[in-house]
Amino acid sequence: MPLTYLAQGRSGIAWDVISGSLVVARLQKQRMTAGARRLGIEQWDWTFHLIVKPEGFLTRGSARSLDEAKAAVERLWQSWVHAAGLVDPGADQ
């Protein structure tokens, strides 16, 4: 079940993570101090919006870049799909 990312607004600081037509998570850039911004430091939070989750499944976390946040969400989403017993039609069997 592949994920797509839809930017919310024009600022690029918030993204919905979508599987099919369902929003399963959100990525949000944290507000940083002026000093951190000058140094190029950023932090991204990610949060899943799942009602049912396997025991021990992380529903939120943070990463140092948008790409790292996406990678974490992708990895966790695949573990959720596996735990739910769903099959990705595009995956090699």
PDB file of N, CA and C in Angstrom:
ATOM      1  N   MET A   1       0.844  -1.170   0.000  1.00  0.00           N
ATOM      2  CA  MET A   1       0.000   0.000   0.000  1.00  0.00           C
ATOM      3  C   MET A   1       0.894   1.238   0.000  1.00  0.00           C
ATOM      4  N   PRO A   2       1.133   1.777  -1.178  1.00  0.00           N
ATOM      5  CA  PRO A   2       2.036   2.920  -1.281  1.00  0.00           C
ATOM      6  C   PRO A   2       1.438   4.177  -0.651  1.00  0.00           C
ATOM      7  N   LEU A   3       2.323   5.033  -0.191  1.00  0.00           N
ATOM      8  CA  LEU A   3       1.915   6.296   0.408  1.00  0.00           C
ATOM      9  C   LEU A   3       2.186   7.427  -0.565  1.00  0.00           C
ATOM     10  N   THR A   4       1.345   8.449  -0.504  1.00  0.00           N
ATOM     11  CA  THR A   4       1.592   9.679  -1.239  1.00  0.00           C
ATOM     12  C   THR A   4       1.618  10.810  -0.217  1.00  0.00           C
ATOM     13  N   TYR A   5       2.253  11.909  -0.612  1.00  0.00           N
ATOM     14  CA  TYR A   5       2.428  13.051   0.281  1.00  0.00           C
ATOM     15  C   TYR A   5       1.806  14.274  -0.368  1.00  0.00           C
ATOM     16  N   LEU A   6       0.969  14.964   0.385  1.00  0.00           N
ATOM     17  CA  LEU A   6       0.276  16.134  -0.114  1.00  0.00           C
ATOM     18  C   LEU A   6       0.594  17.318   0.797  1.00  0.00           C
ATOM     19  N   ALA A   7       1.296  18.303   0.240  1.00  0.00           N
ATOM     20  CA  ALA A   7       1.634  19.502   1.016  1.00  0.00           C
ATOM     21  C   ALA A   7       0.363  20.259   1.366  1.00  0.00           C
ATOM     22  N   GLN A   8       0.298  20.728   2.593  1.00  0.00           N
ATOM     23  CA  GLN A   8      -0.828  21.528   3.048  1.00  0.00           C
ATOM     24  C   GLN A   8      -0.423  22.998   3.010  1.00  0.00           C
ATOM     25  N   GLY A   9      -1.015  23.734   2.108  1.00  0.00           N
ATOM     26  CA  GLY A   9      -0.642  25.137   1.950  1.00  0.00           C
ATOM     27  C   GLY A   9       0.615  25.265   1.100  1.00  0.00           C
ATOM     28  N   ARG A  10       1.103  26.477   0.998  1.00  0.00           N
ATOM     29  CA  ARG A  10       2.260  26.757   0.141  1.00  0.00           C
ATOM     30  C   ARG A  10       3.585  26.802   0.880  1.00  0.00           C
ATOM     31  N   SER A  11       3.541  26.762   2.189  1.00  0.00           N
ATOM     32  CA  SER A  11       4.763  26.943   2.969  1.00  0.00           C
ATOM     33  C   SER A  11       5.647  25.703   3.007  1.00  0.00           C
ATOM     34  N   GLY A  12       5.076  24.528   2.750  1.00  0.00           N
ATOM     35  CA  GLY A  12       5.853  23.291   2.784  1.00  0.00           C
ATOM     36  C   GLY A  12       6.222  22.828   4.179  1.00  0.00           C
ATOM     37  N   ILE A  13       5.513  23.325   5.195  1.00  0.00           N
ATOM     38  CA  ILE A  13       5.850  22.921   6.564  1.00  0.00           C
ATOM     39  C   ILE A  13       4.903  21.867   7.119  1.00  0.00           C
ATOM     40  N   ALA A  14       3.870  21.496   6.362  1.00  0.00           N
ATOM     41  CA  ALA A  14       2.937  20.468   6.806  1.00  0.00           C
ATOM     42  C   ALA A  14       2.550  19.612   5.603  1.00  0.00           C
ATOM     43  N   TRP A  15       2.575  18.290   5.813  1.00  0.00           N
ATOM     44  CA  TRP A  15       2.255  17.338   4.754  1.00  0.00           C
ATOM     45  C   TRP A  15       1.304  16.290   5.295  1.00  0.00           C
ATOM     46  N   ASP A  16       0.258  15.978   4.518  1.00  0.00           N
ATOM     47  CA  ASP A  16      -0.586  14.838   4.824  1.00  0.00           C
ATOM     48  C   ASP A  16       0.017  13.623   4.140  1.00  0.00           C
ATOM     49  N   VAL A  17      -0.027  12.495   4.825  1.00  0.00           N
ATOM     50  CA  VAL A  17       0.458  11.228   4.286  1.00  0.00           C
ATOM     51  C   VAL A  17      -0.784  10.393   3.987  1.00  0.00           C
ATOM     52  N   ILE A  18      -0.914   9.980   2.726  1.00  0.00           N
ATOM     53  CA  ILE A  18      -2.161   9.383   2.259  1.00  0.00           C
ATOM     54  C   ILE A  18      -1.924   7.988   1.688  1.00  0.00           C
ATOM     55  N   SER A  19      -2.812   7.070   2.055  1.00  0.00           N
ATOM     56  CA  SER A  19      -2.849   5.739   1.454  1.00  0.00           C
ATOM     57  C   SER A  19      -4.223   5.609   0.812  1.00  0.00           C
ATOM     58  N   GLY A  20      -4.259   5.513  -0.512  1.00  0.00           N
ATOM     59  CA  GLY A  20      -5.544   5.528  -1.213  1.00  0.00           C
ATOM     60  C   GLY A  20      -6.193   6.878  -1.026  1.00  0.00           C
ATOM     61  N   SER A  21      -7.340   6.908  -0.358  1.00  0.00           N
ATOM     62  CA  SER A  21      -7.999   8.184  -0.063  1.00  0.00           C
ATOM     63  C   SER A  21      -8.012   8.482   1.437  1.00  0.00           C
ATOM     64  N   LEU A  22      -7.250   7.705   2.206  1.00  0.00           N
ATOM     65  CA  LEU A  22      -7.229   7.840   3.660  1.00  0.00           C
ATOM     66  C   LEU A  22      -5.963   8.558   4.126  1.00  0.00           C
ATOM     67  N   VAL A  23      -6.134   9.616   4.901  1.00  0.00           N
ATOM     68  CA  VAL A  23      -4.984  10.290   5.510  1.00  0.00           C
ATOM     69  C   VAL A  23      -4.571   9.459   6.719  1.00  0.00           C
ATOM     70  N   VAL A  24      -3.359   8.891   6.653  1.00  0.00           N
ATOM     71  CA  VAL A  24      -2.906   7.995   7.727  1.00  0.00           C
ATOM     72  C   VAL A  24      -1.916   8.658   8.675  1.00  0.00           C
ATOM     73  N   ALA A  25      -1.298   9.763   8.237  1.00  0.00           N
ATOM     74  CA  ALA A  25      -0.308  10.423   9.090  1.00  0.00           C
ATOM     75  C   ALA A  25      -0.144  11.868   8.649  1.00  0.00           C
ATOM     76  N   ARG A  26       0.608  12.603   9.463  1.00  0.00           N
ATOM     77  CA  ARG A  26       0.905  13.999   9.145  1.00  0.00           C
ATOM     78  C   ARG A  26       2.346  14.280   9.503  1.00  0.00           C
ATOM     79  N   LEU A  27       3.011  15.045   8.655  1.00  0.00           N
ATOM     80  CA  LEU A  27       4.370  15.521   8.904  1.00  0.00           C
ATOM     81  C   LEU A  27       4.279  17.016   9.143  1.00  0.00           C
ATOM     82  N   GLN A  28       4.981  17.512  10.143  1.00  0.00           N
ATOM     83  CA  GLN A  28       4.917  18.926  10.495  1.00  0.00           C
ATOM     84  C   GLN A  28       6.304  19.412  10.885  1.00  0.00           C
ATOM     85  N   LYS A  29       6.760  20.482  10.254  1.00  0.00           N
ATOM     86  CA  LYS A  29       8.052  21.062  10.590  1.00  0.00           C
ATOM     87  C   LYS A  29       7.916  21.865  11.877  1.00  0.00           C
ATOM     88  N   GLN A  30       8.841  21.629  12.802  1.00  0.00           N
ATOM     89  CA  GLN A  30       8.825  22.375  14.066  1.00  0.00           C
ATOM     90  C   GLN A  30       9.309  23.807  13.830  1.00  0.00           C
ATOM     91  N   ARG A  31       8.809  24.712  14.637  1.00  0.00           N
ATOM     92  CA  ARG A  31       9.327  26.087  14.624  1.00  0.00           C
ATOM     93  C   ARG A  31      10.674  26.081  15.318  1.00  0.00           C
ATOM     94  N   MET A  32      11.661  26.689  14.695  1.00  0.00           N
ATOM     95  CA  MET A  32      13.011  26.702  15.246  1.00  0.00           C
ATOM     96  C   MET A  32      13.409  28.135  15.589  1.00  0.00           C
ATOM     97  N   THR A  33      14.397  28.276  16.448  1.00  0.00           N
ATOM     98  CA  THR A  33      14.913  29.597  16.783  1.00  0.00           C
ATOM     99  C   THR A  33      15.623  30.172  15.563  1.00  0.00           C
ATOM    100  N   ALA A  34      15.814  31.476  15.562  1.00  0.00           N
ATOM    101  CA  ALA A  34      16.511  32.130  14.450  1.00  0.00           C
ATOM    102  C   ALA A  34      17.925  31.568  14.305  1.00  0.00           C
ATOM    103  N   GLY A  35      18.600  31.308  15.417  1.00  0.00           N
ATOM    104  CA  GLY A  35      19.938  30.746  15.380  1.00  0.00           C
ATOM    105  C   GLY A  35      19.971  29.370  14.739  1.00  0.00           C
ATOM    106  N   ALA A  36      19.015  28.536  15.079  1.00  0.00           N
ATOM    107  CA  ALA A  36      18.943  27.191  14.491  1.00  0.00           C
ATOM    108  C   ALA A  36      18.668  27.279  12.998  1.00  0.00           C
ATOM    109  N   ARG A  37      17.788  28.203  12.603  1.00  0.00           N
ATOM    110  CA  ARG A  37      17.501  28.369  11.175  1.00  0.00           C
ATOM    111  C   ARG A  37      18.741  28.819  10.420  1.00  0.00           C
ATOM    112  N   ARG A  38      19.519  29.742  10.998  1.00  0.00           N
ATOM    113  CA  ARG A  38      20.753  30.206  10.343  1.00  0.00           C
ATOM    114  C   ARG A  38      21.738  29.060  10.150  1.00  0.00           C
ATOM    115  N   LEU A  39      21.748  28.123  11.079  1.00  0.00           N
ATOM    116  CA  LEU A  39      22.647  26.970  10.995  1.00  0.00           C
ATOM    117  C   LEU A  39      22.085  25.852  10.108  1.00  0.00           C
ATOM    118  N   GLY A  40      20.877  26.053   9.594  1.00  0.00           N
ATOM    119  CA  GLY A  40      20.265  25.048   8.737  1.00  0.00           C
ATOM    120  C   GLY A  40      19.686  23.871   9.492  1.00  0.00           C
ATOM    121  N   ILE A  41      19.461  24.045  10.785  1.00  0.00           N
ATOM    122  CA  ILE A  41      18.906  22.965  11.610  1.00  0.00           C
ATOM    123  C   ILE A  41      17.390  22.967  11.454  1.00  0.00           C
ATOM    124  N   GLU A  42      16.848  21.793  11.238  1.00  0.00           N
ATOM    125  CA  GLU A  42      15.394  21.669  11.204  1.00  0.00           C
ATOM    126  C   GLU A  42      14.985  20.387  11.912  1.00  0.00           C
ATOM    127  N   GLN A  43      13.746  20.324  12.290  1.00  0.00           N
ATOM    128  CA  GLN A  43      13.197  19.154  12.978  1.00  0.00           C
ATOM    129  C   GLN A  43      11.789  18.938  12.444  1.00  0.00           C
ATOM    130  N   TRP A  44      11.479  17.681  12.114  1.00  0.00           N
ATOM    131  CA  TRP A  44      10.163  17.326  11.605  1.00  0.00           C
ATOM    132  C   TRP A  44       9.501  16.326  12.547  1.00  0.00           C
ATOM    133  N   ASP A  45       8.253  16.591  12.886  1.00  0.00           N
ATOM    134  CA  ASP A  45       7.462  15.659  13.684  1.00  0.00           C
ATOM    135  C   ASP A  45       6.555  14.870  12.741  1.00  0.00           C
ATOM    136  N   TRP A  46       6.334  13.620  13.065  1.00  0.00           N
ATOM    137  CA  TRP A  46       5.373  12.816  12.320  1.00  0.00           C
ATOM    138  C   TRP A  46       4.417  12.170  13.304  1.00  0.00           C
ATOM    139  N   THR A  47       3.161  12.062  12.894  1.00  0.00           N
ATOM    140  CA  THR A  47       2.118  11.486  13.737  1.00  0.00           C
ATOM    141  C   THR A  47       1.182  10.648  12.876  1.00  0.00           C
ATOM    142  N   PHE A  48       0.966   9.400  13.281  1.00  0.00           N
ATOM    143  CA  PHE A  48      -0.003   8.548  12.598  1.00  0.00           C
ATOM    144  C   PHE A  48      -1.394   8.820  13.146  1.00  0.00           C
ATOM    145  N   HIS A  49      -2.391   8.701  12.280  1.00  0.00           N
ATOM    146  CA  HIS A  49      -3.799   8.859  12.656  1.00  0.00           C
ATOM    147  C   HIS A  49      -4.502   7.525  12.454  1.00  0.00           C
ATOM    148  N   LEU A  50      -4.123   6.541  13.235  1.00  0.00           N
ATOM    149  CA  LEU A  50      -4.683   5.202  13.115  1.00  0.00           C
ATOM    150  C   LEU A  50      -5.470   4.856  14.363  1.00  0.00           C
ATOM    151  N   ILE A  51      -6.658   4.315  14.174  1.00  0.00           N
ATOM    152  CA  ILE A  51      -7.470   3.909  15.317  1.00  0.00           C
ATOM    153  C   ILE A  51      -6.964   2.581  15.867  1.00  0.00           C
ATOM    154  N   VAL A  52      -6.634   1.664  14.979  1.00  0.00           N
ATOM    155  CA  VAL A  52      -6.159   0.345  15.372  1.00  0.00           C
ATOM    156  C   VAL A  52      -4.669   0.269  15.082  1.00  0.00           C
ATOM    157  N   LYS A  53      -3.901  -0.170  16.078  1.00  0.00           N
ATOM    158  CA  LYS A  53      -2.459  -0.289  15.885  1.00  0.00           C
ATOM    159  C   LYS A  53      -1.942  -1.495  16.645  1.00  0.00           C
ATOM    160  N   PRO A  54      -0.903  -2.127  16.100  1.00  0.00           N
ATOM    161  CA  PRO A  54      -0.312  -3.253  16.816  1.00  0.00           C
ATOM    162  C   PRO A  54       0.314  -2.794  18.133  1.00  0.00           C
ATOM    163  N   GLU A  55       0.403  -3.697  19.082  1.00  0.00           N
ATOM    164  CA  GLU A  55       1.035  -3.371  20.356  1.00  0.00           C
ATOM    165  C   GLU A  55       2.471  -2.913  20.104  1.00  0.00           C
ATOM    166  N   GLY A  56       2.849  -1.817  20.718  1.00  0.00           N
ATOM    167  CA  GLY A  56       4.202  -1.293  20.582  1.00  0.00           C
ATOM    168  C   GLY A  56       4.430  -0.444  19.348  1.00  0.00           C
ATOM    169  N   PHE A  57       3.408  -0.256  18.507  1.00  0.00           N
ATOM    170  CA  PHE A  57       3.549   0.539  17.289  1.00  0.00           C
ATOM    171  C   PHE A  57       3.730   2.009  17.646  1.00  0.00           C
ATOM    172  N   LEU A  58       4.777   2.625  17.114  1.00  0.00           N
ATOM    173  CA  LEU A  58       5.016   4.051  17.368  1.00  0.00           C
ATOM    174  C   LEU A  58       4.025   4.883  16.566  1.00  0.00           C
ATOM    175  N   THR A  59       3.343   5.784  17.234  1.00  0.00           N
ATOM    176  CA  THR A  59       2.376   6.635  16.536  1.00  0.00           C
ATOM    177  C   THR A  59       2.897   8.045  16.318  1.00  0.00           C
ATOM    178  N   ARG A  60       4.040   8.363  16.921  1.00  0.00           N
ATOM    179  CA  ARG A  60       4.614   9.694  16.732  1.00  0.00           C
ATOM    180  C   ARG A  60       6.111   9.650  16.959  1.00  0.00           C
ATOM    181  N   GLY A  61       6.788  10.621  16.355  1.00  0.00           N
ATOM    182  CA  GLY A  61       8.225  10.720  16.513  1.00  0.00           C
ATOM    183  C   GLY A  61       8.734  11.958  15.811  1.00  0.00           C
ATOM    184  N   SER A  62      10.042  12.078  15.709  1.00  0.00           N
ATOM    185  CA  SER A  62      10.623  13.236  15.035  1.00  0.00           C
ATOM    186  C   SER A  62      11.865  12.805  14.271  1.00  0.00           C
ATOM    187  N   ALA A  63      12.256  13.664  13.343  1.00  0.00           N
ATOM    188  CA  ALA A  63      13.410  13.396  12.490  1.00  0.00           C
ATOM    189  C   ALA A  63      14.091  14.719  12.165  1.00  0.00           C
ATOM    190  N   ARG A  64      15.334  14.622  11.676  1.00  0.00           N
ATOM    191  CA  ARG A  64      16.116  15.835  11.398  1.00  0.00           C
ATOM    192  C   ARG A  64      15.870  16.431  10.026  1.00  0.00           C
ATOM    193  N   SER A  65      15.099  15.749   9.199  1.00  0.00           N
ATOM    194  CA  SER A  65      14.792  16.296   7.875  1.00  0.00           C
ATOM    195  C   SER A  65      13.460  15.724   7.399  1.00  0.00           C
ATOM    196  N   LEU A  66      12.908  16.350   6.379  1.00  0.00           N
ATOM    197  CA  LEU A  66      11.666  15.858   5.792  1.00  0.00           C
ATOM    198  C   LEU A  66      11.880  14.458   5.229  1.00  0.00           C
ATOM    199  N   ASP A  67      13.018  14.231   4.562  1.00  0.00           N
ATOM    200  CA  ASP A  67      13.290  12.907   3.996  1.00  0.00           C
ATOM    201  C   ASP A  67      13.388  11.831   5.075  1.00  0.00           C
ATOM    202  N   GLU A  68      14.022  12.156   6.210  1.00  0.00           N
ATOM    203  CA  GLU A  68      14.112  11.191   7.313  1.00  0.00           C
ATOM    204  C   GLU A  68      12.736  10.910   7.910  1.00  0.00           C
ATOM    205  N   ALA A  69      11.903  11.938   8.009  1.00  0.00           N
ATOM    206  CA  ALA A  69      10.549  11.753   8.533  1.00  0.00           C
ATOM    207  C   ALA A  69       9.742  10.862   7.593  1.00  0.00           C
ATOM    208  N   LYS A  70       9.857  11.096   6.287  1.00  0.00           N
ATOM    209  CA  LYS A  70       9.161  10.260   5.312  1.00  0.00           C
ATOM    210  C   LYS A  70       9.639   8.814   5.406  1.00  0.00           C
ATOM    211  N   ALA A  71      10.937   8.618   5.539  1.00  0.00           N
ATOM    212  CA  ALA A  71      11.494   7.256   5.636  1.00  0.00           C
ATOM    213  C   ALA A  71      10.957   6.535   6.869  1.00  0.00           C
ATOM    214  N   ALA A  72      10.867   7.237   7.998  1.00  0.00           N
ATOM    215  CA  ALA A  72      10.339   6.633   9.221  1.00  0.00           C
ATOM    216  C   ALA A  72       8.876   6.242   9.039  1.00  0.00           C
ATOM    217  N   VAL A  73       8.103   7.129   8.450  1.00  0.00           N
ATOM    218  CA  VAL A  73       6.683   6.856   8.225  1.00  0.00           C
ATOM    219  C   VAL A  73       6.519   5.681   7.264  1.00  0.00           C
ATOM    220  N   GLU A  74       7.306   5.649   6.199  1.00  0.00           N
ATOM    221  CA  GLU A  74       7.227   4.541   5.232  1.00  0.00           C
ATOM    222  C   GLU A  74       7.531   3.208   5.915  1.00  0.00           C
ATOM    223  N   ARG A  75       8.588   3.183   6.709  1.00  0.00           N
ATOM    224  CA  ARG A  75       8.993   1.962   7.407  1.00  0.00           C
ATOM    225  C   ARG A  75       7.890   1.492   8.368  1.00  0.00           C
ATOM    226  N   LEU A  76       7.366   2.416   9.149  1.00  0.00           N
ATOM    227  CA  LEU A  76       6.315   2.056  10.101  1.00  0.00           C
ATOM    228  C   LEU A  76       5.016   1.666   9.395  1.00  0.00           C
ATOM    229  N   TRP A  77       4.717   2.344   8.302  1.00  0.00           N
ATOM    230  CA  TRP A  77       3.508   2.013   7.551  1.00  0.00           C
ATOM    231  C   TRP A  77       3.588   0.576   7.025  1.00  0.00           C
ATOM    232  N   GLN A  78       4.745   0.195   6.516  1.00  0.00           N
ATOM    233  CA  GLN A  78       4.906  -1.174   6.030  1.00  0.00           C
ATOM    234  C   GLN A  78       4.724  -2.180   7.162  1.00  0.00           C
ATOM    235  N   SER A  79       5.212  -1.850   8.355  1.00  0.00           N
ATOM    236  CA  SER A  79       5.021  -2.768   9.488  1.00  0.00           C
ATOM    237  C   SER A  79       3.547  -2.843   9.873  1.00  0.00           C
ATOM    238  N   TRP A  80       2.816  -1.724   9.757  1.00  0.00           N
ATOM    239  CA  TRP A  80       1.387  -1.724  10.060  1.00  0.00           C
ATOM    240  C   TRP A  80       0.636  -2.570   9.039  1.00  0.00           C
ATOM    241  N   VAL A  81       0.948  -2.390   7.751  1.00  0.00           N
ATOM    242  CA  VAL A  81       0.305  -3.160   6.688  1.00  0.00           C
ATOM    243  C   VAL A  81       0.538  -4.657   6.920  1.00  0.00           C
ATOM    244  N   HIS A  82       1.764  -5.016   7.260  1.00  0.00           N
ATOM    245  CA  HIS A  82       2.088  -6.411   7.527  1.00  0.00           C
ATOM    246  C   HIS A  82       1.298  -6.939   8.738  1.00  0.00           C
ATOM    247  N   ALA A  83       1.280  -6.176   9.827  1.00  0.00           N
ATOM    248  CA  ALA A  83       0.571  -6.600  11.037  1.00  0.00           C
ATOM    249  C   ALA A  83      -0.933  -6.713  10.796  1.00  0.00           C
ATOM    250  N   ALA A  84      -1.461  -5.862   9.900  1.00  0.00           N
ATOM    251  CA  ALA A  84      -2.895  -5.888   9.598  1.00  0.00           C
ATOM    252  C   ALA A  84      -3.256  -7.025   8.646  1.00  0.00           C
ATOM    253  N   GLY A  85      -2.240  -7.682   8.096  1.00  0.00           N
ATOM    254  CA  GLY A  85      -2.498  -8.787   7.175  1.00  0.00           C
ATOM    255  C   GLY A  85      -2.931  -8.330   5.801  1.00  0.00           C
ATOM    256  N   LEU A  86      -2.635  -7.101   5.463  1.00  0.00           N
ATOM    257  CA  LEU A  86      -2.987  -6.566   4.145  1.00  0.00           C
ATOM    258  C   LEU A  86      -1.882  -6.878   3.159  1.00  0.00           C
ATOM    259  N   VAL A  87      -2.220  -7.002   1.915  1.00  0.00           N
ATOM    260  CA  VAL A  87      -1.232  -7.307   0.889  1.00  0.00           C
ATOM    261  C   VAL A  87      -1.127  -6.139  -0.055  1.00  0.00           C
ATOM    262  N   ASP A  88       0.074  -5.703  -0.318  1.00  0.00           N
ATOM    263  CA  ASP A  88       0.318  -4.617  -1.260  1.00  0.00           C
ATOM    264  C   ASP A  88       0.244  -5.210  -2.679  1.00  0.00           C
ATOM    265  N   PRO A  89      -0.753  -4.798  -3.486  1.00  0.00           N
ATOM    266  CA  PRO A  89      -0.876  -5.381  -4.804  1.00  0.00           C
ATOM    267  C   PRO A  89       0.330  -5.104  -5.706  1.00  0.00           C
ATOM    268  N   GLY A  90       1.102  -4.088  -5.420  1.00  0.00           N
ATOM    269  CA  GLY A  90       2.277  -3.768  -6.226  1.00  0.00           C
ATOM    270  C   GLY A  90       3.539  -4.462  -5.757  1.00  0.00           C
ATOM    271  N   ALA A  91       3.477  -5.168  -4.637  1.00  0.00           N
ATOM    272  CA  ALA A  91       4.666  -5.813  -4.077  1.00  0.00           C
ATOM    273  C   ALA A  91       4.934  -7.147  -4.771  1.00  0.00           C
ATOM    274  N   ASP A  92       6.189  -7.476  -4.879  1.00  0.00           N
ATOM    275  CA  ASP A  92       6.561  -8.790  -5.426  1.00  0.00           C
ATOM    276  C   ASP A  92       6.184  -9.868  -4.420  1.00  0.00           C
ATOM    277  N   GLN A  93       5.569 -10.911  -4.886  1.00  0.00           N
ATOM    278  CA  GLN A  93       5.132 -11.981  -3.997  1.00  0.00           C
ATOM    279  C   GLN A  93       6.134 -13.096  -3.988  1.00  0.00           C
TER     280      GLN A  93
END
